[in-house]
Amino acid sequence: MKDLASFKRRALLAAIASTLFAVPALAQFRVEITGVGGSQLPIAIPDFRDEAKSGQPIASIIRADLERSGQFLIKDAAGAQLFEGSSINYSDWRSKGTDALAAGSVAKLADGRFDVRYKLFDVVKGADLGGEAQAVAPDDVRLGAHRVADAIYQKLTGERGVFSTRMAYVSKIGGRYSLRITDSDGEGGQIALASPMPIISPSWSPDGRELAYVSFESNKAVVWAQEIFTGRRRKIADFRGSNSAPAYSPDGTKLAVTLSRAGGSQLFILNKDGSNVQRLTQSLAIDTEPVFAPDGSKIYFVSDRGGGPQVYRMSISGGAAERVTFSGGYNISPSISPDGRMMAYITREGGSAFRLCVMDLASGTVQKITDTTADERPSFAPNGRLIVYATRVGGHDVLMTTTPDGRVKAKLTSAADVREPTWGPFTK
C-alpha cells in the first residue's frame, strides 16, 4: 500500500485460512508509553493483596490500561500494603501528589474461581467512592482486571472505558499468518484463523459476535464471516472477479464490500447473509475501503477517481460522491469516530512516508499525529478516546495506540510482526 499499484492490489488481494484454534495467543505484549497528556489525573494503584495467587499481575494491568488512555498519571505506590478494606491516610497520599487511590485484593473461591475486589478513594476530598467485587474464572482474570480499569475510568471521567473490549489483528511468525482476537492491550485471547497465506481486512460486527474477512483459499478473493465463539463461518461474497474490503453497517444487517463482478472495483451493499446485492458506486475508478458513518446514512471510501487515492463519502442510497480529503495527493484507510466527528486516515508524505492523520469532519482541520513513517489502518476505540494503528519500528511491524490528539502513545510490542488492527465494539 506504498504506491498506487499497491493501492490497487489492496483492492484486489486477500488471504486467510480456515481452522479455529481455541488456544492462548502466543504473542505477549509489553506496553511502552510515550508523551504527556494535557490534563492527567494522578492516581496510585498498589499491587492487589494476594494477586499472585491468580497468576496475573492485576494491578499492573489496571495501571497500564489507565496510563494508556492518556487520562491518568500513574503515581508510584511501591511498598504500599493496602486492600479494599484498608483505612486510608489521605493526608499522606495527598503529600505524594495523588488525587485518587485504588486498592484491592484477590481470593480463590471454593469452586476454583477468583474473587477480585477493589475500592476507589478520592484523596483530595478524603472520600470513599465505593467499589465492587466480581467472581471470575481462572482464564478470565485478565478480563476482570480490565473491568476494574473500566470502572475506575468511568467513575473518574464520566465516560465508559474500553479496556474490557477486544481487538483483532494479524500476526506473522515465520511463514505463517494468524488472525488473533485479544484483549484491548493486545494480550490474552485466541487464534481465530491461521494460514500460510496472508490475512487482511478483518472487520467486527457491531455486536462483537462475528468477524468478516477476505480469504484467497479458493485461488480468488472471497469474503467470509466467522462467528467468534463457535468458529462457524459462511461465504458472504464469492462472485466472479475479486471480493474484498468488508465493513458491517451499524445495525449489523448489511455489509459494504468491494467487488469487481461488473468490471473494475466498485462498492456494493448486501445483506449479511450475502443476499440482495446492490451496486453503490458507478465509476470507472477503483472504489474500495468502505466504512459506514455511525448513523448508517453515509459511507466513506477510498477512490482514485480524481487521479490518486482520496477519501470520499456518499449516501448509502447512492448519488454523487463528495470528496473529503484535500491535503496531499494520497489519502487512504478512513476510520470514523463513534460520534461521527473525527476521521482517522493515512496520508503519504514525500513519496514514501505514511503517517496517521486525524480530521475534524466539521471544519476539515487535519492534524498529523505521528512521527513514524509506515503507519497503516487506523481504528477507533468504541469510546472514541483512542486509536489503534499499525506501523513499523526497529524493522518490525508493531501496533500502537494513540489519543486522537497524538499526545499519548503506547507501543504494543511482541515477538511477531503485527498488522491490520481493528478495535472491537462495546458488548453487554
Protein backbone atom coordinates (compact mmCIF):
# COMPACT_ATOMS: atom_id res chain seq x y z
CA MET A 1 0.00 0.00 0.00
CA LYS A 2 3.01 2.21 -0.56
CA ASP A 3 2.14 3.39 -4.08
CA LEU A 4 -0.84 3.41 -6.44
CA ALA A 5 -0.05 -0.08 -7.68
CA SER A 6 -0.16 -1.47 -4.18
CA PHE A 7 -3.34 0.52 -3.53
CA LYS A 8 -4.86 -1.39 -6.44
CA ARG A 9 -3.54 -4.67 -5.11
CA ARG A 10 -5.15 -3.94 -1.76
CA ALA A 11 -8.48 -3.61 -3.52
CA LEU A 12 -7.98 -7.00 -5.18
CA LEU A 13 -5.91 -9.20 -2.87
CA ALA A 14 -6.75 -11.06 0.29
CA ALA A 15 -5.88 -14.21 2.12
CA ILE A 16 -6.79 -16.39 5.03
CA ALA A 17 -7.20 -19.91 6.43
CA SER A 18 -10.00 -21.93 7.85
CA THR A 19 -9.18 -23.51 11.20
CA LEU A 20 -10.32 -22.15 14.56
CA PHE A 21 -7.89 -22.68 17.41
CA ALA A 22 -9.23 -22.12 20.93
CA VAL A 23 -5.73 -21.74 22.38
CA PRO A 24 -3.99 -18.85 24.10
CA ALA A 25 -2.34 -16.29 21.82
CA LEU A 26 1.41 -16.76 21.64
CA ALA A 27 2.25 -13.08 21.20
CA GLN A 28 2.86 -11.40 24.54
CA PHE A 29 2.76 -7.62 24.52
CA ARG A 30 4.59 -5.04 26.54
CA VAL A 31 3.11 -1.55 26.69
CA GLU A 32 5.53 1.35 26.27
CA ILE A 33 4.02 4.76 26.98
CA THR A 34 5.33 7.98 25.43
CA GLY A 35 4.07 11.54 25.62
CA VAL A 36 2.20 13.56 28.19
CA GLY A 37 -1.49 14.37 28.12
CA GLY A 38 -2.78 17.89 28.53
CA SER A 39 -4.61 17.16 31.79
CA GLN A 40 -3.94 13.92 33.64
CA LEU A 41 -5.38 12.80 36.95
CA PRO A 42 -2.70 11.48 39.35
CA ILE A 43 -3.73 8.05 40.65
CA ALA A 44 -1.95 5.41 42.72
CA ILE A 45 -2.78 1.71 42.49
CA PRO A 46 -0.75 -0.56 44.80
CA ASP A 47 -0.48 -4.24 43.94
CA PHE A 48 -3.64 -6.07 44.96
CA ARG A 49 -3.33 -8.21 48.07
CA ASP A 50 -2.64 -11.86 47.11
CA GLU A 51 -2.88 -11.11 43.38
CA ALA A 52 -0.03 -13.55 42.72
CA LYS A 53 -2.43 -16.39 43.53
CA SER A 54 -4.42 -15.53 40.40
CA GLY A 55 -1.45 -15.91 38.08
CA GLN A 56 -1.95 -12.40 36.70
CA PRO A 57 -0.42 -9.03 37.71
CA ILE A 58 -3.83 -7.46 38.24
CA ALA A 59 -2.72 -4.05 39.49
CA SER A 60 -0.13 -3.76 36.70
CA ILE A 61 -2.80 -4.48 34.09
CA ILE A 62 -5.05 -1.80 35.58
CA ARG A 63 -2.21 0.73 35.76
CA ALA A 64 -1.22 0.09 32.14
CA ASP A 65 -4.83 0.43 30.97
CA LEU A 66 -5.34 3.76 32.69
CA GLU A 67 -1.97 5.12 31.62
CA ARG A 68 -2.55 4.12 28.00
CA SER A 69 -5.81 6.08 27.99
CA GLY A 70 -3.89 9.33 28.36
CA GLN A 71 -6.27 10.49 31.09
CA PHE A 72 -4.21 9.39 34.10
CA LEU A 73 -0.76 9.92 35.58
CA ILE A 74 0.27 6.80 37.46
CA LYS A 75 1.90 7.61 40.79
CA ASP A 76 4.38 5.31 42.48
CA ALA A 77 2.72 3.10 45.09
CA ALA A 78 5.59 0.69 45.61
CA GLY A 79 5.61 -0.84 49.06
CA ALA A 80 2.08 0.22 49.97
CA GLN A 81 0.28 -2.65 51.73
CA LEU A 82 -3.36 -1.82 51.08
CA PHE A 83 -6.56 -3.61 50.13
CA GLU A 84 -10.17 -2.54 49.68
CA GLY A 85 -10.86 -2.66 53.41
CA SER A 86 -7.82 -0.64 54.48
CA SER A 87 -8.03 2.58 56.45
CA ILE A 88 -6.61 5.29 54.18
CA ASN A 89 -4.24 8.01 55.38
CA TYR A 90 -5.46 10.66 52.96
CA SER A 91 -3.01 13.35 54.04
CA ASP A 92 -0.08 11.03 53.37
CA TRP A 93 -1.28 10.28 49.83
CA ARG A 94 -2.04 13.98 49.20
CA SER A 95 1.55 14.80 50.15
CA LYS A 96 2.65 12.43 47.37
CA GLY A 97 0.68 14.41 44.78
CA THR A 98 -2.00 11.76 44.43
CA ASP A 99 -5.60 12.71 43.67
CA ALA A 100 -7.10 9.22 43.57
CA LEU A 101 -6.25 5.84 45.00
CA ALA A 102 -7.47 2.34 44.18
CA ALA A 103 -6.79 -0.71 46.32
CA GLY A 104 -7.97 -4.29 46.10
CA SER A 105 -7.47 -7.96 46.77
CA VAL A 106 -7.79 -11.41 45.23
CA ALA A 107 -9.05 -14.59 46.88
CA LYS A 108 -9.56 -18.05 45.44
CA LEU A 109 -13.08 -19.40 45.88
CA ALA A 110 -14.09 -22.98 46.63
CA ASP A 111 -15.30 -23.53 43.07
CA GLY A 112 -11.91 -22.53 41.61
CA ARG A 113 -12.90 -19.02 40.58
CA PHE A 114 -11.19 -15.89 41.88
CA ASP A 115 -12.90 -13.17 43.85
CA VAL A 116 -11.45 -9.86 42.64
CA ARG A 117 -12.36 -6.83 44.76
CA TYR A 118 -11.40 -3.19 44.66
CA LYS A 119 -12.33 0.16 46.17
CA LEU A 120 -11.69 3.66 44.82
CA PHE A 121 -10.84 6.65 47.01
CA ASP A 122 -10.92 10.40 46.32
CA VAL A 123 -7.73 11.52 48.04
CA VAL A 124 -8.40 15.24 47.57
CA LYS A 125 -11.80 15.10 49.26
CA GLY A 126 -10.93 12.26 51.60
CA ALA A 127 -13.91 10.27 50.32
CA ASP A 128 -14.66 6.61 49.73
CA LEU A 129 -16.02 6.35 46.17
CA GLY A 130 -17.12 2.74 46.51
CA GLY A 131 -16.04 -0.38 44.71
CA GLU A 132 -17.20 -3.78 43.60
CA ALA A 133 -16.44 -7.49 43.69
CA GLN A 134 -16.50 -9.96 40.82
CA ALA A 135 -16.01 -13.71 40.67
CA VAL A 136 -14.08 -14.70 37.56
CA ALA A 137 -12.88 -17.97 36.10
CA PRO A 138 -9.10 -18.53 36.10
CA ASP A 139 -8.96 -17.84 32.35
CA ASP A 140 -10.83 -14.55 32.86
CA VAL A 141 -8.64 -12.91 35.49
CA ARG A 142 -7.13 -10.53 32.94
CA LEU A 143 -10.64 -9.62 31.82
CA GLY A 144 -11.53 -8.99 35.45
CA ALA A 145 -8.61 -6.58 35.75
CA HIS A 146 -9.72 -4.75 32.61
CA ARG A 147 -13.22 -4.46 34.07
CA VAL A 148 -11.81 -2.84 37.20
CA ALA A 149 -9.90 -0.38 35.00
CA ASP A 150 -13.15 0.36 33.12
CA ALA A 151 -14.98 1.02 36.38
CA ILE A 152 -12.27 3.36 37.66
CA TYR A 153 -12.11 5.16 34.32
CA GLN A 154 -15.87 5.71 34.23
CA LYS A 155 -16.09 6.80 37.86
CA LEU A 156 -13.36 9.41 37.42
CA THR A 157 -14.02 10.63 33.87
CA GLY A 158 -17.77 10.08 33.47
CA GLU A 159 -17.18 8.12 30.25
CA ARG A 160 -17.25 4.42 29.52
CA GLY A 161 -13.87 2.69 29.45
CA VAL A 162 -12.76 0.39 26.64
CA PHE A 163 -10.28 -1.83 28.43
CA SER A 164 -12.54 -4.90 28.56
CA THR A 165 -13.30 -4.68 24.84
CA ARG A 166 -11.44 -6.81 22.32
CA MET A 167 -9.13 -6.23 19.42
CA ALA A 168 -8.38 -8.27 16.32
CA TYR A 169 -5.16 -8.10 14.36
CA VAL A 170 -2.99 -10.18 12.06
CA SER A 171 0.37 -11.53 13.18
CA LYS A 172 3.14 -13.21 11.24
CA ILE A 173 5.64 -15.65 12.70
CA GLY A 174 7.96 -17.21 10.17
CA GLY A 175 5.86 -18.05 7.13
CA ARG A 176 2.55 -18.37 8.96
CA TYR A 177 -0.15 -15.77 9.47
CA SER A 178 -2.71 -15.73 12.26
CA LEU A 179 -5.81 -13.69 12.89
CA ARG A 180 -5.86 -13.09 16.63
CA ILE A 181 -8.64 -11.92 18.90
CA THR A 182 -7.20 -10.41 22.04
CA ASP A 183 -7.79 -8.08 24.94
CA SER A 184 -7.62 -4.37 24.19
CA ASP A 185 -3.95 -4.33 25.21
CA GLY A 186 -3.08 -6.99 22.64
CA GLU A 187 -2.64 -9.83 25.13
CA GLY A 188 -4.65 -12.90 26.01
CA GLY A 189 -7.33 -14.17 23.67
CA GLN A 190 -7.15 -16.81 20.96
CA ILE A 191 -6.11 -17.53 17.42
CA ALA A 192 -9.25 -17.34 15.32
CA LEU A 193 -7.67 -18.27 11.98
CA ALA A 194 -4.27 -19.48 10.83
CA SER A 195 -2.77 -19.94 7.38
CA PRO A 196 0.46 -20.00 5.39
CA MET A 197 -1.21 -17.31 3.27
CA PRO A 198 -1.55 -13.64 4.26
CA ILE A 199 -4.68 -12.36 6.04
CA ILE A 200 -6.13 -8.89 5.57
CA SER A 201 -9.19 -6.74 6.21
CA PRO A 202 -10.78 -8.13 9.38
CA SER A 203 -13.93 -6.23 10.34
CA TRP A 204 -16.02 -6.57 13.51
CA SER A 205 -19.77 -6.91 13.51
CA PRO A 206 -21.36 -4.23 15.74
CA ASP A 207 -22.44 -6.84 18.31
CA GLY A 208 -18.90 -8.24 18.53
CA ARG A 209 -20.03 -11.77 17.66
CA GLU A 210 -18.50 -12.02 14.18
CA LEU A 211 -15.52 -11.02 12.13
CA ALA A 212 -15.75 -10.58 8.39
CA TYR A 213 -12.56 -11.10 6.41
CA VAL A 214 -11.25 -11.99 2.97
CA SER A 215 -9.80 -15.37 2.01
CA PHE A 216 -7.79 -16.45 -1.02
CA GLU A 217 -8.04 -20.14 -0.18
CA SER A 218 -10.01 -20.92 -3.37
CA ASN A 219 -7.43 -19.09 -5.51
CA LYS A 220 -9.55 -15.97 -5.61
CA ALA A 221 -10.57 -13.33 -3.12
CA VAL A 222 -13.74 -14.33 -1.26
CA VAL A 223 -15.42 -12.53 1.65
CA TRP A 224 -16.29 -14.69 4.66
CA ALA A 225 -17.88 -14.07 8.05
CA GLN A 226 -16.91 -16.15 11.06
CA GLU A 227 -18.62 -16.49 14.42
CA ILE A 228 -16.19 -15.69 17.22
CA PHE A 229 -17.32 -18.27 19.77
CA THR A 230 -18.16 -21.24 17.55
CA GLY A 231 -15.76 -20.79 14.65
CA ARG A 232 -18.60 -21.38 12.19
CA ARG A 233 -18.23 -19.38 9.02
CA ARG A 234 -20.17 -18.59 5.89
CA LYS A 235 -19.41 -17.11 2.50
CA ILE A 236 -20.62 -13.56 2.11
CA ALA A 237 -19.34 -12.69 -1.36
CA ASP A 238 -17.97 -15.19 -3.88
CA PHE A 239 -18.68 -13.54 -7.21
CA ARG A 240 -16.74 -13.51 -10.44
CA GLY A 241 -13.59 -11.48 -10.02
CA SER A 242 -12.42 -10.07 -6.70
CA ASN A 243 -14.44 -9.75 -3.48
CA SER A 244 -12.81 -7.63 -0.78
CA ALA A 245 -12.84 -4.94 1.95
CA PRO A 246 -15.91 -5.95 4.02
CA ALA A 247 -17.43 -3.49 6.51
CA TYR A 248 -20.54 -4.02 8.64
CA SER A 249 -23.36 -1.50 8.81
CA PRO A 250 -24.00 -0.01 12.27
CA ASP A 251 -27.13 -2.15 12.74
CA GLY A 252 -25.29 -5.30 11.67
CA THR A 253 -27.79 -6.26 8.97
CA LYS A 254 -25.67 -5.36 5.94
CA LEU A 255 -22.11 -5.20 4.71
CA ALA A 256 -20.38 -2.93 2.27
CA VAL A 257 -17.84 -4.72 0.06
CA THR A 258 -15.67 -4.04 -2.95
CA LEU A 259 -16.50 -6.27 -5.92
CA SER A 260 -15.15 -6.47 -9.46
CA ARG A 261 -18.04 -8.58 -10.72
CA ALA A 262 -19.07 -5.83 -13.15
CA GLY A 263 -15.53 -4.88 -14.13
CA GLY A 264 -13.24 -2.65 -12.10
CA SER A 265 -13.53 -2.40 -8.34
CA GLN A 266 -16.78 -0.85 -7.13
CA LEU A 267 -18.72 -0.63 -3.89
CA PHE A 268 -21.74 -2.84 -3.26
CA ILE A 269 -24.15 -3.25 -0.35
CA LEU A 270 -25.51 -6.68 0.55
CA ASN A 271 -27.29 -8.42 3.39
CA LYS A 272 -25.08 -10.11 5.97
CA ASP A 273 -26.05 -13.49 4.52
CA GLY A 274 -24.81 -12.37 1.10
CA SER A 275 -28.23 -11.80 -0.45
CA ASN A 276 -29.75 -8.71 -2.07
CA VAL A 277 -26.57 -7.39 -3.70
CA GLN A 278 -26.90 -3.74 -4.72
CA ARG A 279 -24.29 -1.68 -6.50
CA LEU A 280 -23.49 1.62 -4.81
CA THR A 281 -20.80 3.35 -6.90
CA GLN A 282 -20.88 3.76 -10.67
CA SER A 283 -17.40 4.99 -11.56
CA LEU A 284 -14.54 3.90 -13.79
CA ALA A 285 -12.17 4.23 -10.83
CA ILE A 286 -11.10 1.87 -8.09
CA ASP A 287 -13.50 2.37 -5.16
CA THR A 288 -12.56 0.47 -2.02
CA GLU A 289 -12.08 0.51 1.78
CA PRO A 290 -15.69 1.39 2.61
CA VAL A 291 -16.70 2.29 6.17
CA PHE A 292 -20.13 3.32 7.38
CA ALA A 293 -20.83 6.56 9.22
CA PRO A 294 -22.00 5.81 12.79
CA ASP A 295 -25.62 6.68 11.95
CA GLY A 296 -25.55 4.42 8.89
CA SER A 297 -26.61 7.17 6.49
CA LYS A 298 -23.33 7.52 4.59
CA ILE A 299 -20.34 5.51 3.51
CA TYR A 300 -16.79 6.81 3.48
CA PHE A 301 -14.47 5.13 1.00
CA VAL A 302 -11.24 5.48 -0.97
CA SER A 303 -11.25 6.17 -4.68
CA ASP A 304 -8.68 7.16 -7.30
CA ARG A 305 -11.35 8.80 -9.45
CA GLY A 306 -9.51 12.12 -9.14
CA GLY A 307 -6.18 10.68 -10.20
CA GLY A 308 -4.83 9.50 -6.85
CA PRO A 309 -6.38 7.79 -3.84
CA GLN A 310 -8.55 10.13 -1.76
CA VAL A 311 -11.33 9.69 0.76
CA TYR A 312 -14.89 10.34 -0.42
CA ARG A 313 -18.33 9.92 1.12
CA MET A 314 -21.77 9.33 -0.27
CA SER A 315 -25.26 8.37 0.81
CA ILE A 316 -25.97 4.65 1.15
CA SER A 317 -28.88 5.24 -1.21
CA GLY A 318 -26.44 6.31 -3.92
CA GLY A 319 -25.97 9.59 -5.71
CA ALA A 320 -22.96 11.84 -6.06
CA ALA A 321 -19.80 11.24 -4.06
CA GLU A 322 -18.31 14.12 -2.09
CA ARG A 323 -14.54 14.39 -1.71
CA VAL A 324 -13.43 14.62 1.92
CA THR A 325 -9.61 14.76 1.85
CA PHE A 326 -7.74 17.53 0.03
CA SER A 327 -4.44 17.82 1.86
CA GLY A 328 -1.90 15.70 0.00
CA GLY A 329 -2.18 13.57 -3.11
CA TYR A 330 -2.57 10.17 -1.45
CA ASN A 331 -5.01 9.51 1.41
CA ILE A 332 -6.38 6.08 2.34
CA SER A 333 -7.84 3.84 5.10
CA PRO A 334 -10.55 6.01 6.67
CA SER A 335 -11.90 5.25 10.16
CA ILE A 336 -14.76 7.30 11.61
CA SER A 337 -15.00 8.04 15.33
CA PRO A 338 -18.07 6.62 17.10
CA ASP A 339 -19.57 10.11 17.49
CA GLY A 340 -19.04 10.84 13.79
CA ARG A 341 -16.96 13.95 14.46
CA MET A 342 -13.48 12.73 13.53
CA MET A 343 -11.89 10.71 10.77
CA ALA A 344 -8.55 8.97 11.14
CA TYR A 345 -6.75 8.08 7.93
CA ILE A 346 -3.31 7.55 6.41
CA THR A 347 -1.59 10.15 4.25
CA ARG A 348 1.55 9.81 2.17
CA GLU A 349 4.32 12.36 2.53
CA GLY A 350 7.34 12.85 0.30
CA GLY A 351 6.60 9.79 -1.80
CA SER A 352 7.44 7.13 0.78
CA ALA A 353 6.38 8.18 4.29
CA PHE A 354 2.94 7.17 5.55
CA ARG A 355 1.57 8.96 8.60
CA LEU A 356 -1.60 8.82 10.65
CA CYS A 357 -3.81 11.90 10.46
CA VAL A 358 -6.98 12.91 12.27
CA MET A 359 -9.51 15.23 10.62
CA ASP A 360 -12.23 17.23 12.32
CA LEU A 361 -15.04 16.49 9.88
CA ALA A 362 -16.99 19.67 10.66
CA SER A 363 -14.13 22.08 9.99
CA GLY A 364 -11.91 19.95 7.76
CA THR A 365 -8.92 20.69 10.01
CA VAL A 366 -6.26 17.98 9.75
CA GLN A 367 -3.62 17.09 12.33
CA LYS A 368 -0.74 14.70 11.66
CA ILE A 369 -0.34 12.92 14.97
CA THR A 370 2.61 10.55 14.47
CA ASP A 371 6.30 10.83 13.69
CA THR A 372 6.61 7.30 12.30
CA THR A 373 6.71 6.77 8.53
CA ALA A 374 4.98 3.43 7.89
CA ASP A 375 1.58 3.85 9.54
CA GLU A 376 -1.33 1.68 8.39
CA ARG A 377 -5.00 1.03 9.04
CA PRO A 378 -6.25 3.13 11.97
CA SER A 379 -9.26 2.02 14.01
CA PHE A 380 -11.06 3.97 16.73
CA ALA A 381 -11.80 2.53 20.15
CA PRO A 382 -15.56 2.32 20.78
CA ASN A 383 -15.49 5.37 23.08
CA GLY A 384 -13.51 7.39 20.54
CA ARG A 385 -10.75 8.23 23.02
CA LEU A 386 -8.03 6.04 21.48
CA ILE A 387 -6.94 4.93 18.02
CA VAL A 388 -5.05 1.73 17.26
CA TYR A 389 -2.91 1.53 14.14
CA ALA A 390 -0.06 -0.50 12.69
CA THR A 391 3.36 0.93 11.96
CA ARG A 392 6.98 -0.16 11.61
CA VAL A 393 9.52 0.38 14.36
CA GLY A 394 13.01 -1.09 14.54
CA GLY A 395 12.44 -3.23 11.47
CA HIS A 396 9.26 -4.85 12.82
CA ASP A 397 5.57 -4.30 12.21
CA VAL A 398 4.01 -3.28 15.53
CA LEU A 399 0.75 -1.97 16.90
CA MET A 400 0.43 1.44 18.51
CA THR A 401 -2.38 3.19 20.29
CA THR A 402 -2.66 6.95 20.44
CA THR A 403 -5.00 9.57 21.77
CA PRO A 404 -6.68 11.45 18.89
CA ASP A 405 -4.53 14.50 19.60
CA GLY A 406 -1.37 12.39 19.40
CA ARG A 407 -0.14 13.40 22.84
CA VAL A 408 -0.02 9.96 24.46
CA LYS A 409 1.07 6.87 22.53
CA ALA A 410 1.60 3.28 23.58
CA LYS A 411 3.59 0.72 21.62
CA LEU A 412 2.30 -2.81 21.95
CA THR A 413 5.41 -4.83 21.20
CA SER A 414 5.52 -8.57 20.60
CA ALA A 415 7.73 -11.27 19.16
CA ALA A 416 5.69 -11.37 15.96
CA ASP A 417 5.14 -8.83 13.21
CA VAL A 418 1.62 -7.49 13.65
CA ARG A 419 -0.68 -5.50 11.37
CA GLU A 420 -4.29 -4.96 10.27
CA PRO A 421 -5.71 -4.00 13.69
CA THR A 422 -9.41 -3.43 14.23
CA TRP A 423 -10.89 -2.44 17.59
CA GLY A 424 -13.97 -4.36 18.64
CA PRO A 425 -17.22 -2.79 19.84
CA PHE A 426 -18.71 -2.44 23.30
CA THR A 427 -20.58 -5.59 24.26
CA LYS A 428 -23.09 -6.13 27.04
